[in-house]
Amino acid sequence: MLLATASGSANFANSWNTFWNSLSGTGIGTVTKWVAIVGMVLVVFAVGKYINDRRKGQRGNHIGLILTVVLGLILSNPGTFVGYLLDIVDGIANIFIHAFGG
């Protein structure tokens, strides 16, 4: 489903920000803390596993480490990172909307 404003351009980030602000403002601050803790644990576990694999003489999973760290960073502050990601998606969607006469 493509969310569009009256000017005919995509606006996913604004919808996310409205949703996240309403969720954060309802006293669910503990949920955001737990999500941040899960993100931190993911990063610590991934780095620890990578170091342990390298210590054992194995190659280590570089791609897995990078993806897990990125996921952990997103979980550490979803309000900011998802907003930035959706800004990029907005830009790409707007390029297609304007290029194909939407």
Protein backbone atom coordinates (compact mmCIF):
# COMPACT_ATOMS: atom_id res chain seq x y z
CA MET A 1 0.00 0.00 0.00
CA LEU A 2 1.48 3.31 -1.05
CA LEU A 3 0.79 6.23 1.22
CA ALA A 4 0.65 9.46 -0.74
CA THR A 5 0.07 13.06 0.17
CA ALA A 6 -2.19 15.45 -1.72
CA SER A 7 0.76 16.55 -3.84
CA GLY A 8 1.17 13.01 -5.20
CA SER A 9 4.33 12.04 -3.38
CA ALA A 10 5.04 9.19 -0.97
CA ASN A 11 5.28 9.94 2.74
CA PHE A 12 6.13 6.77 4.66
CA ALA A 13 8.41 8.48 7.18
CA ASN A 14 5.71 10.84 8.45
CA SER A 15 3.34 7.93 9.03
CA TRP A 16 6.07 6.03 10.91
CA ASN A 17 6.91 9.06 13.04
CA THR A 18 3.24 9.54 13.94
CA PHE A 19 2.94 5.85 14.85
CA TRP A 20 6.18 5.76 16.86
CA ASN A 21 5.41 8.98 18.73
CA SER A 22 1.94 7.70 19.68
CA LEU A 23 3.44 4.38 20.77
CA SER A 24 6.21 6.02 22.78
CA GLY A 25 3.81 8.47 24.41
CA THR A 26 1.46 5.83 25.82
CA GLY A 27 3.69 4.76 28.69
CA ILE A 28 5.29 1.95 26.71
CA GLY A 29 8.72 3.34 27.40
CA THR A 30 9.70 -0.01 28.88
CA VAL A 31 9.07 -1.68 25.51
CA THR A 32 11.51 0.65 23.81
CA LYS A 33 14.05 -0.07 26.55
CA TRP A 34 13.67 -3.83 26.06
CA VAL A 35 14.00 -3.47 22.30
CA ALA A 36 17.20 -1.48 22.85
CA ILE A 37 18.52 -4.15 25.22
CA VAL A 38 17.79 -6.87 22.66
CA GLY A 39 19.66 -4.83 20.04
CA MET A 40 22.65 -4.44 22.34
CA VAL A 41 22.68 -8.16 23.18
CA LEU A 42 22.59 -9.01 19.47
CA VAL A 43 25.60 -6.80 18.77
CA VAL A 44 27.60 -8.12 21.74
CA PHE A 45 26.78 -11.74 20.86
CA ALA A 46 27.65 -11.28 17.16
CA VAL A 47 30.99 -9.59 17.91
CA GLY A 48 31.82 -12.18 20.57
CA LYS A 49 30.98 -15.07 18.26
CA TYR A 50 33.03 -13.53 15.46
CA ILE A 51 36.06 -13.05 17.73
CA ASN A 52 35.70 -16.60 19.07
CA ASP A 53 35.48 -18.05 15.53
CA ARG A 54 38.58 -16.13 14.49
CA ARG A 55 40.41 -17.31 17.62
CA LYS A 56 39.61 -20.94 16.71
CA GLY A 57 41.19 -20.43 13.31
CA GLN A 58 37.92 -20.28 11.40
CA ARG A 59 37.22 -17.56 8.89
CA GLY A 60 34.36 -15.96 10.79
CA ASN A 61 31.12 -14.92 9.16
CA HIS A 62 31.74 -11.35 7.98
CA ILE A 63 28.33 -10.90 6.35
CA GLY A 64 26.53 -12.33 9.38
CA LEU A 65 28.46 -10.00 11.65
CA ILE A 66 27.63 -6.94 9.55
CA LEU A 67 23.93 -7.82 9.23
CA THR A 68 23.59 -8.57 12.93
CA VAL A 69 25.31 -5.32 13.91
CA VAL A 70 23.05 -3.36 11.55
CA LEU A 71 19.96 -5.09 12.99
CA GLY A 72 21.20 -4.40 16.52
CA LEU A 73 21.73 -0.72 15.69
CA ILE A 74 18.23 -0.48 14.24
CA LEU A 75 16.78 -2.11 17.34
CA SER A 76 18.77 0.17 19.63
CA ASN A 77 16.81 3.20 18.40
CA PRO A 78 14.02 2.19 16.01
CA GLY A 79 12.38 5.62 16.07
CA THR A 80 15.43 7.21 14.45
CA PHE A 81 16.78 4.46 12.20
CA VAL A 82 13.44 3.38 10.76
CA GLY A 83 12.58 7.03 10.14
CA TYR A 84 15.83 7.53 8.19
CA LEU A 85 15.29 4.30 6.25
CA LEU A 86 11.76 5.38 5.34
CA ASP A 87 13.06 8.78 4.23
CA ILE A 88 15.24 6.92 1.72
CA VAL A 89 12.29 4.77 0.64
CA ASP A 90 10.22 7.98 0.28
CA GLY A 91 12.85 9.45 -2.01
CA ILE A 92 13.01 6.35 -4.20
CA ALA A 93 9.21 6.07 -4.34
CA ASN A 94 8.89 9.75 -5.23
CA ILE A 95 11.38 9.32 -8.06
CA PHE A 96 9.23 6.52 -9.51
CA ILE A 97 5.97 8.41 -8.89
CA HIS A 98 7.21 11.50 -10.70
CA ALA A 99 9.03 9.56 -13.44
CA PHE A 100 6.00 7.49 -14.38
CA GLY A 101 3.43 10.28 -14.05
CA GLY A 102 1.78 9.24 -10.78
